[in-house]
């Protein structure tokens, strides 16, 4: 019983409606085919997506996602997006 009372006290001590939580909302992602598609769209819509390196990474990422290698595909698509944001390096 002591343990549950202690947990309740911790919950009561936590700030509710903290401004810190609204300043930087968390972005939750999953390793899913839907997230692969979302990243592919985001990369394709970016102005730096036309660079060869970005395009190659994005194509590899999409192909990996399509063949069931979702985590690896997401990693490639994230790299492509970062490269596009950096100016297509």
PDB file of N, CA and C in Angstrom:
ATOM      1  N   UNK A   1       0.817  -1.194   0.000  1.00  0.00           N
ATOM      2  CA  UNK A   1       0.000   0.000   0.000  1.00  0.00           C
ATOM      3  C   UNK A   1       0.859   1.256   0.000  1.00  0.00           C
ATOM      4  N   UNK A   2       1.963   1.170   0.696  1.00  0.00           N
ATOM      5  CA  UNK A   2       2.862   2.317   0.740  1.00  0.00           C
ATOM      6  C   UNK A   2       3.332   2.685  -0.656  1.00  0.00           C
ATOM      7  N   UNK A   3       3.593   1.687  -1.437  1.00  0.00           N
ATOM      8  CA  UNK A   3       4.096   1.933  -2.792  1.00  0.00           C
ATOM      9  C   UNK A   3       3.074   2.695  -3.638  1.00  0.00           C
ATOM     10  N   UNK A   4       1.815   2.288  -3.618  1.00  0.00           N
ATOM     11  CA  UNK A   4       0.811   2.983  -4.432  1.00  0.00           C
ATOM     12  C   UNK A   4       0.562   4.391  -3.907  1.00  0.00           C
ATOM     13  N   UNK A   5       0.647   4.576  -2.595  1.00  0.00           N
ATOM     14  CA  UNK A   5       0.502   5.920  -2.040  1.00  0.00           C
ATOM     15  C   UNK A   5       1.623   6.824  -2.491  1.00  0.00           C
ATOM     16  N   UNK A   6       2.835   6.283  -2.555  1.00  0.00           N
ATOM     17  CA  UNK A   6       3.999   7.046  -3.009  1.00  0.00           C
ATOM     18  C   UNK A   6       3.833   7.435  -4.473  1.00  0.00           C
ATOM     19  N   UNK A   7       3.355   6.498  -5.299  1.00  0.00           N
ATOM     20  CA  UNK A   7       3.130   6.782  -6.717  1.00  0.00           C
ATOM     21  C   UNK A   7       2.101   7.881  -6.894  1.00  0.00           C
ATOM     22  N   UNK A   8       1.061   7.838  -6.076  1.00  0.00           N
ATOM     23  CA  UNK A   8       0.029   8.856  -6.150  1.00  0.00           C
ATOM     24  C   UNK A   8       0.592  10.221  -5.787  1.00  0.00           C
ATOM     25  N   UNK A   9       1.476  10.252  -4.785  1.00  0.00           N
ATOM     26  CA  UNK A   9       2.088  11.517  -4.399  1.00  0.00           C
ATOM     27  C   UNK A   9       2.943  12.074  -5.532  1.00  0.00           C
ATOM     28  N   UNK A  10       3.654  11.199  -6.245  1.00  0.00           N
ATOM     29  CA  UNK A  10       4.470  11.650  -7.373  1.00  0.00           C
ATOM     30  C   UNK A  10       3.602  12.226  -8.480  1.00  0.00           C
ATOM     31  N   UNK A  11       2.507  11.579  -8.758  1.00  0.00           N
ATOM     32  CA  UNK A  11       1.604  12.078  -9.789  1.00  0.00           C
ATOM     33  C   UNK A  11       1.020  13.426  -9.393  1.00  0.00           C
ATOM     34  N   UNK A  12       0.711  13.583  -8.137  1.00  0.00           N
ATOM     35  CA  UNK A  12       0.135  14.837  -7.676  1.00  0.00           C
ATOM     36  C   UNK A  12       1.158  15.964  -7.720  1.00  0.00           C
ATOM     37  N   UNK A  13       2.439  15.613  -7.580  1.00  0.00           N
ATOM     38  CA  UNK A  13       3.489  16.621  -7.578  1.00  0.00           C
ATOM     39  C   UNK A  13       3.875  17.059  -8.989  1.00  0.00           C
ATOM     40  N   UNK A  14       3.507  16.275  -9.984  1.00  0.00           N
ATOM     41  CA  UNK A  14       3.856  16.610 -11.364  1.00  0.00           C
ATOM     42  C   UNK A  14       3.074  17.831 -11.815  1.00  0.00           C
ATOM     43  N   UNK A  15       3.720  18.758 -12.499  1.00  0.00           N
ATOM     44  CA  UNK A  15       3.016  19.953 -12.951  1.00  0.00           C
ATOM     45  C   UNK A  15       1.999  19.623 -14.034  1.00  0.00           C
ATOM     46  N   UNK A  16       0.833  20.171 -13.874  1.00  0.00           N
ATOM     47  CA  UNK A  16      -0.226  19.977 -14.864  1.00  0.00           C
ATOM     48  C   UNK A  16      -0.338  21.260 -15.671  1.00  0.00           C
ATOM     49  N   UNK A  17      -0.375  21.129 -16.975  1.00  0.00           N
ATOM     50  CA  UNK A  17      -0.488  22.297 -17.832  1.00  0.00           C
ATOM     51  C   UNK A  17       0.802  23.100 -17.889  1.00  0.00           C
ATOM     52  N   UNK A  18       1.893  22.421 -17.752  1.00  0.00           N
ATOM     53  CA  UNK A  18       3.193  23.078 -17.789  1.00  0.00           C
ATOM     54  C   UNK A  18       3.417  23.737 -19.138  1.00  0.00           C
ATOM     55  N   UNK A  19       3.978  24.936 -19.135  1.00  0.00           N
ATOM     56  CA  UNK A  19       4.240  25.628 -20.400  1.00  0.00           C
ATOM     57  C   UNK A  19       5.368  24.957 -21.165  1.00  0.00           C
ATOM     58  N   UNK A  20       6.254  24.247 -20.466  1.00  0.00           N
ATOM     59  CA  UNK A  20       7.356  23.570 -21.150  1.00  0.00           C
ATOM     60  C   UNK A  20       6.828  22.516 -22.107  1.00  0.00           C
ATOM     61  N   UNK A  21       5.745  21.860 -21.745  1.00  0.00           N
ATOM     62  CA  UNK A  21       5.184  20.819 -22.606  1.00  0.00           C
ATOM     63  C   UNK A  21       4.615  21.409 -23.894  1.00  0.00           C
ATOM     64  N   UNK A  22       4.114  22.616 -23.859  1.00  0.00           N
ATOM     65  CA  UNK A  22       3.533  23.210 -25.052  1.00  0.00           C
ATOM     66  C   UNK A  22       4.563  23.938 -25.900  1.00  0.00           C
ATOM     67  N   UNK A  23       5.703  24.289 -25.296  1.00  0.00           N
ATOM     68  CA  UNK A  23       6.746  24.968 -26.049  1.00  0.00           C
ATOM     69  C   UNK A  23       7.374  24.047 -27.095  1.00  0.00           C
ATOM     70  N   UNK A  24       7.574  22.803 -26.738  1.00  0.00           N
ATOM     71  CA  UNK A  24       8.206  21.826 -27.620  1.00  0.00           C
ATOM     72  C   UNK A  24       7.403  20.533 -27.595  1.00  0.00           C
ATOM     73  N   UNK A  25       6.330  20.477 -28.371  1.00  0.00           N
ATOM     74  CA  UNK A  25       5.523  19.253 -28.347  1.00  0.00           C
ATOM     75  C   UNK A  25       6.316  18.071 -28.896  1.00  0.00           C
ATOM     76  N   UNK A  26       6.088  16.914 -28.314  1.00  0.00           N
ATOM     77  CA  UNK A  26       6.762  15.711 -28.779  1.00  0.00           C
ATOM     78  C   UNK A  26       6.193  15.276 -30.115  1.00  0.00           C
ATOM     79  N   UNK A  27       7.049  14.743 -30.936  1.00  0.00           N
ATOM     80  CA  UNK A  27       6.610  14.201 -32.216  1.00  0.00           C
ATOM     81  C   UNK A  27       6.843  12.702 -32.158  1.00  0.00           C
ATOM     82  N   UNK A  28       5.781  11.952 -32.125  1.00  0.00           N
ATOM     83  CA  UNK A  28       5.872  10.510 -31.994  1.00  0.00           C
ATOM     84  C   UNK A  28       5.826   9.893 -33.379  1.00  0.00           C
ATOM     85  N   UNK A  29       6.786   9.055 -33.643  1.00  0.00           N
ATOM     86  CA  UNK A  29       6.824   8.365 -34.925  1.00  0.00           C
ATOM     87  C   UNK A  29       6.871   6.867 -34.674  1.00  0.00           C
ATOM     88  N   UNK A  30       6.524   6.115 -35.667  1.00  0.00           N
ATOM     89  CA  UNK A  30       6.592   4.664 -35.569  1.00  0.00           C
ATOM     90  C   UNK A  30       7.320   4.128 -36.777  1.00  0.00           C
ATOM     91  N   UNK A  31       7.815   2.938 -36.640  1.00  0.00           N
ATOM     92  CA  UNK A  31       8.454   2.275 -37.766  1.00  0.00           C
ATOM     93  C   UNK A  31       7.373   1.548 -38.557  1.00  0.00           C
ATOM     94  N   UNK A  32       6.698   2.295 -39.411  1.00  0.00           N
ATOM     95  CA  UNK A  32       5.587   1.716 -40.165  1.00  0.00           C
ATOM     96  C   UNK A  32       5.687   2.113 -41.633  1.00  0.00           C
ATOM     97  N   UNK A  33       4.966   1.376 -42.457  1.00  0.00           N
ATOM     98  CA  UNK A  33       4.923   1.686 -43.880  1.00  0.00           C
ATOM     99  C   UNK A  33       4.296   3.064 -44.108  1.00  0.00           C
ATOM    100  N   UNK A  34       3.338   3.426 -43.262  1.00  0.00           N
ATOM    101  CA  UNK A  34       2.699   4.749 -43.390  1.00  0.00           C
ATOM    102  C   UNK A  34       3.717   5.862 -43.140  1.00  0.00           C
ATOM    103  N   UNK A  35       4.591   5.669 -42.150  1.00  0.00           N
ATOM    104  CA  UNK A  35       5.611   6.676 -41.881  1.00  0.00           C
ATOM    105  C   UNK A  35       6.617   6.736 -43.028  1.00  0.00           C
ATOM    106  N   UNK A  36       6.921   5.596 -43.626  1.00  0.00           N
ATOM    107  CA  UNK A  36       7.784   5.574 -44.819  1.00  0.00           C
ATOM    108  C   UNK A  36       7.185   6.449 -45.916  1.00  0.00           C
ATOM    109  N   UNK A  37       5.891   6.262 -46.161  1.00  0.00           N
ATOM    110  CA  UNK A  37       5.222   7.046 -47.197  1.00  0.00           C
ATOM    111  C   UNK A  37       5.244   8.530 -46.852  1.00  0.00           C
ATOM    112  N   UNK A  38       4.991   8.850 -45.588  1.00  0.00           N
ATOM    113  CA  UNK A  38       5.000  10.258 -45.166  1.00  0.00           C
ATOM    114  C   UNK A  38       6.375  10.878 -45.406  1.00  0.00           C
ATOM    115  N   UNK A  39       7.426  10.168 -45.030  1.00  0.00           N
ATOM    116  CA  UNK A  39       8.779  10.690 -45.254  1.00  0.00           C
ATOM    117  C   UNK A  39       9.069  10.842 -46.740  1.00  0.00           C
ATOM    118  N   UNK A  40       8.637   9.884 -47.545  1.00  0.00           N
ATOM    119  CA  UNK A  40       8.838   9.963 -48.985  1.00  0.00           C
ATOM    120  C   UNK A  40       8.181  11.199 -49.580  1.00  0.00           C
ATOM    121  N   UNK A  41       6.984  11.496 -49.117  1.00  0.00           N
ATOM    122  CA  UNK A  41       6.269  12.686 -49.588  1.00  0.00           C
ATOM    123  C   UNK A  41       6.996  13.949 -49.138  1.00  0.00           C
ATOM    124  N   UNK A  42       7.437  13.958 -47.874  1.00  0.00           N
ATOM    125  CA  UNK A  42       8.139  15.139 -47.351  1.00  0.00           C
ATOM    126  C   UNK A  42       9.438  15.393 -48.106  1.00  0.00           C
ATOM    127  N   UNK A  43      10.179  14.328 -48.402  1.00  0.00           N
ATOM    128  CA  UNK A  43      11.432  14.487 -49.151  1.00  0.00           C
ATOM    129  C   UNK A  43      11.128  14.996 -50.550  1.00  0.00           C
ATOM    130  N   UNK A  44      10.142  14.392 -51.209  1.00  0.00           N
ATOM    131  CA  UNK A  44       9.801  14.778 -52.573  1.00  0.00           C
ATOM    132  C   UNK A  44       9.310  16.206 -52.698  1.00  0.00           C
ATOM    133  N   UNK A  45       8.676  16.717 -51.647  1.00  0.00           N
ATOM    134  CA  UNK A  45       8.142  18.075 -51.679  1.00  0.00           C
ATOM    135  C   UNK A  45       9.193  19.127 -51.330  1.00  0.00           C
ATOM    136  N   UNK A  46      10.335  18.690 -50.844  1.00  0.00           N
ATOM    137  CA  UNK A  46      11.365  19.648 -50.436  1.00  0.00           C
ATOM    138  C   UNK A  46      12.093  20.201 -51.659  1.00  0.00           C
ATOM    139  N   UNK A  47      12.399  21.509 -51.667  1.00  0.00           N
ATOM    140  CA  UNK A  47      13.085  22.107 -52.820  1.00  0.00           C
ATOM    141  C   UNK A  47      14.448  21.467 -53.125  1.00  0.00           C
ATOM    142  N   UNK A  48      15.115  20.919 -52.124  1.00  0.00           N
ATOM    143  CA  UNK A  48      16.423  20.309 -52.346  1.00  0.00           C
ATOM    144  C   UNK A  48      16.367  18.859 -52.782  1.00  0.00           C
ATOM    145  N   UNK A  49      15.162  18.355 -53.055  1.00  0.00           N
ATOM    146  CA  UNK A  49      14.997  16.941 -53.385  1.00  0.00           C
ATOM    147  C   UNK A  49      15.558  16.557 -54.748  1.00  0.00           C
ATOM    148  N   UNK A  50      15.822  17.531 -55.616  1.00  0.00           N
ATOM    149  CA  UNK A  50      16.291  17.235 -56.960  1.00  0.00           C
ATOM    150  C   UNK A  50      17.763  16.880 -57.055  1.00  0.00           C
ATOM    151  N   UNK A  51      18.513  17.125 -55.993  1.00  0.00           N
ATOM    152  CA  UNK A  51      19.945  16.807 -56.027  1.00  0.00           C
ATOM    153  C   UNK A  51      20.140  15.302 -56.129  1.00  0.00           C
ATOM    154  N   UNK A  52      21.179  14.897 -56.853  1.00  0.00           N
ATOM    155  CA  UNK A  52      21.413  13.467 -57.093  1.00  0.00           C
ATOM    156  C   UNK A  52      21.501  12.653 -55.814  1.00  0.00           C
ATOM    157  N   UNK A  53      22.283  13.121 -54.842  1.00  0.00           N
ATOM    158  CA  UNK A  53      22.458  12.379 -53.592  1.00  0.00           C
ATOM    159  C   UNK A  53      21.158  12.209 -52.838  1.00  0.00           C
ATOM    160  N   UNK A  54      20.368  13.258 -52.789  1.00  0.00           N
ATOM    161  CA  UNK A  54      19.080  13.218 -52.102  1.00  0.00           C
ATOM    162  C   UNK A  54      18.143  12.268 -52.823  1.00  0.00           C
ATOM    163  N   UNK A  55      18.087  12.411 -54.121  1.00  0.00           N
ATOM    164  CA  UNK A  55      17.183  11.564 -54.923  1.00  0.00           C
ATOM    165  C   UNK A  55      17.553  10.093 -54.776  1.00  0.00           C
ATOM    166  N   UNK A  56      18.861   9.780 -54.819  1.00  0.00           N
ATOM    167  CA  UNK A  56      19.303   8.388 -54.677  1.00  0.00           C
ATOM    168  C   UNK A  56      18.948   7.823 -53.306  1.00  0.00           C
ATOM    169  N   UNK A  57      19.206   8.598 -52.252  1.00  0.00           N
ATOM    170  CA  UNK A  57      18.859   8.140 -50.904  1.00  0.00           C
ATOM    171  C   UNK A  57      17.358   7.907 -50.770  1.00  0.00           C
ATOM    172  N   UNK A  58      16.572   8.832 -51.305  1.00  0.00           N
ATOM    173  CA  UNK A  58      15.122   8.707 -51.219  1.00  0.00           C
ATOM    174  C   UNK A  58      14.630   7.477 -51.980  1.00  0.00           C
ATOM    175  N   UNK A  59      15.165   7.233 -53.147  1.00  0.00           N
ATOM    176  CA  UNK A  59      14.765   6.063 -53.927  1.00  0.00           C
ATOM    177  C   UNK A  59      15.129   4.774 -53.208  1.00  0.00           C
ATOM    178  N   UNK A  60      16.340   4.741 -52.634  1.00  0.00           N
ATOM    179  CA  UNK A  60      16.756   3.553 -51.875  1.00  0.00           C
ATOM    180  C   UNK A  60      15.836   3.342 -50.675  1.00  0.00           C
ATOM    181  N   UNK A  61      15.517   4.433 -49.970  1.00  0.00           N
ATOM    182  CA  UNK A  61      14.636   4.329 -48.806  1.00  0.00           C
ATOM    183  C   UNK A  61      13.254   3.831 -49.173  1.00  0.00           C
ATOM    184  N   UNK A  62      12.695   4.352 -50.243  1.00  0.00           N
ATOM    185  CA  UNK A  62      11.368   3.913 -50.682  1.00  0.00           C
ATOM    186  C   UNK A  62      11.380   2.449 -51.096  1.00  0.00           C
ATOM    187  N   UNK A  63      12.444   2.034 -51.796  1.00  0.00           N
ATOM    188  CA  UNK A  63      12.550   0.637 -52.222  1.00  0.00           C
ATOM    189  C   UNK A  63      12.664  -0.293 -51.013  1.00  0.00           C
ATOM    190  N   UNK A  64      13.446   0.105 -50.020  1.00  0.00           N
ATOM    191  CA  UNK A  64      13.578  -0.704 -48.815  1.00  0.00           C
ATOM    192  C   UNK A  64      12.238  -0.834 -48.094  1.00  0.00           C
ATOM    193  N   UNK A  65      11.518   0.269 -47.983  1.00  0.00           N
ATOM    194  CA  UNK A  65      10.197   0.230 -47.346  1.00  0.00           C
ATOM    195  C   UNK A  65       9.250  -0.689 -48.117  1.00  0.00           C
ATOM    196  N   UNK A  66       9.292  -0.606 -49.426  1.00  0.00           N
ATOM    197  CA  UNK A  66       8.396  -1.403 -50.265  1.00  0.00           C
ATOM    198  C   UNK A  66       8.676  -2.896 -50.160  1.00  0.00           C
ATOM    199  N   UNK A  67       9.916  -3.255 -49.832  1.00  0.00           N
ATOM    200  CA  UNK A  67      10.267  -4.674 -49.725  1.00  0.00           C
ATOM    201  C   UNK A  67      10.248  -5.171 -48.283  1.00  0.00           C
ATOM    202  N   UNK A  68       9.677  -4.355 -47.377  1.00  0.00           N
ATOM    203  CA  UNK A  68       9.510  -4.800 -46.004  1.00  0.00           C
ATOM    204  C   UNK A  68      10.628  -4.438 -45.047  1.00  0.00           C
ATOM    205  N   UNK A  69      11.632  -3.730 -45.522  1.00  0.00           N
ATOM    206  CA  UNK A  69      12.747  -3.304 -44.669  1.00  0.00           C
ATOM    207  C   UNK A  69      12.458  -1.881 -44.181  1.00  0.00           C
ATOM    208  N   UNK A  70      11.430  -1.767 -43.354  1.00  0.00           N
ATOM    209  CA  UNK A  70      10.886  -0.471 -42.968  1.00  0.00           C
ATOM    210  C   UNK A  70      11.885   0.361 -42.174  1.00  0.00           C
ATOM    211  N   UNK A  71      12.519  -0.228 -41.170  1.00  0.00           N
ATOM    212  CA  UNK A  71      13.432   0.554 -40.338  1.00  0.00           C
ATOM    213  C   UNK A  71      14.606   1.102 -41.151  1.00  0.00           C
ATOM    214  N   UNK A  72      15.170   0.281 -42.000  1.00  0.00           N
ATOM    215  CA  UNK A  72      16.290   0.722 -42.828  1.00  0.00           C
ATOM    216  C   UNK A  72      15.826   1.757 -43.843  1.00  0.00           C
ATOM    217  N   UNK A  73      14.640   1.547 -44.396  1.00  0.00           N
ATOM    218  CA  UNK A  73      14.077   2.512 -45.341  1.00  0.00           C
ATOM    219  C   UNK A  73      13.833   3.862 -44.695  1.00  0.00           C
ATOM    220  N   UNK A  74      13.308   3.848 -43.492  1.00  0.00           N
ATOM    221  CA  UNK A  74      13.074   5.103 -42.764  1.00  0.00           C
ATOM    222  C   UNK A  74      14.392   5.813 -42.507  1.00  0.00           C
ATOM    223  N   UNK A  75      15.414   5.062 -42.137  1.00  0.00           N
ATOM    224  CA  UNK A  75      16.730   5.677 -41.885  1.00  0.00           C
ATOM    225  C   UNK A  75      17.250   6.368 -43.142  1.00  0.00           C
ATOM    226  N   UNK A  76      17.112   5.716 -44.293  1.00  0.00           N
ATOM    227  CA  UNK A  76      17.563   6.327 -45.562  1.00  0.00           C
ATOM    228  C   UNK A  76      16.736   7.560 -45.898  1.00  0.00           C
ATOM    229  N   UNK A  77      15.430   7.474 -45.707  1.00  0.00           N
ATOM    230  CA  UNK A  77      14.563   8.613 -46.006  1.00  0.00           C
ATOM    231  C   UNK A  77      14.849   9.784 -45.084  1.00  0.00           C
ATOM    232  N   UNK A  78      15.149   9.504 -43.834  1.00  0.00           N
ATOM    233  CA  UNK A  78      15.520  10.591 -42.915  1.00  0.00           C
ATOM    234  C   UNK A  78      16.831  11.242 -43.346  1.00  0.00           C
ATOM    235  N   UNK A  79      17.790  10.421 -43.773  1.00  0.00           N
ATOM    236  CA  UNK A  79      19.053  10.978 -44.281  1.00  0.00           C
ATOM    237  C   UNK A  79      18.805  11.825 -45.511  1.00  0.00           C
ATOM    238  N   UNK A  80      17.926  11.366 -46.392  1.00  0.00           N
ATOM    239  CA  UNK A  80      17.597  12.134 -47.599  1.00  0.00           C
ATOM    240  C   UNK A  80      16.958  13.466 -47.233  1.00  0.00           C
ATOM    241  N   UNK A  81      16.069  13.455 -46.247  1.00  0.00           N
ATOM    242  CA  UNK A  81      15.414  14.693 -45.832  1.00  0.00           C
ATOM    243  C   UNK A  81      16.420  15.663 -45.223  1.00  0.00           C
ATOM    244  N   UNK A  82      17.321  15.161 -44.383  1.00  0.00           N
ATOM    245  CA  UNK A  82      18.344  16.032 -43.813  1.00  0.00           C
ATOM    246  C   UNK A  82      19.247  16.606 -44.901  1.00  0.00           C
ATOM    247  N   UNK A  83      19.604  15.781 -45.875  1.00  0.00           N
ATOM    248  CA  UNK A  83      20.448  16.254 -46.984  1.00  0.00           C
ATOM    249  C   UNK A  83      19.713  17.306 -47.808  1.00  0.00           C
ATOM    250  N   UNK A  84      18.427  17.105 -48.044  1.00  0.00           N
ATOM    251  CA  UNK A  84      17.638  18.089 -48.797  1.00  0.00           C
ATOM    252  C   UNK A  84      17.572  19.403 -48.040  1.00  0.00           C
ATOM    253  N   UNK A  85      17.414  19.330 -46.724  1.00  0.00           N
ATOM    254  CA  UNK A  85      17.345  20.539 -45.901  1.00  0.00           C
ATOM    255  C   UNK A  85      18.687  21.261 -45.859  1.00  0.00           C
ATOM    256  N   UNK A  86      19.761  20.505 -46.011  1.00  0.00           N
ATOM    257  CA  UNK A  86      21.105  21.103 -45.983  1.00  0.00           C
ATOM    258  C   UNK A  86      21.500  21.661 -47.338  1.00  0.00           C
ATOM    259  N   UNK A  87      20.649  21.550 -48.304  1.00  0.00           N
ATOM    260  CA  UNK A  87      20.941  22.123 -49.622  1.00  0.00           C
ATOM    261  C   UNK A  87      21.273  21.095 -50.672  1.00  0.00           C
ATOM    262  N   UNK A  88      20.880  19.862 -50.436  1.00  0.00           N
ATOM    263  CA  UNK A  88      21.073  18.834 -51.447  1.00  0.00           C
ATOM    264  C   UNK A  88      22.455  18.249 -51.518  1.00  0.00           C
ATOM    265  N   UNK A  89      23.160  18.247 -50.405  1.00  0.00           N
ATOM    266  CA  UNK A  89      24.534  17.724 -50.395  1.00  0.00           C
ATOM    267  C   UNK A  89      24.552  16.222 -50.554  1.00  0.00           C
TER     268      UNK A  89
END
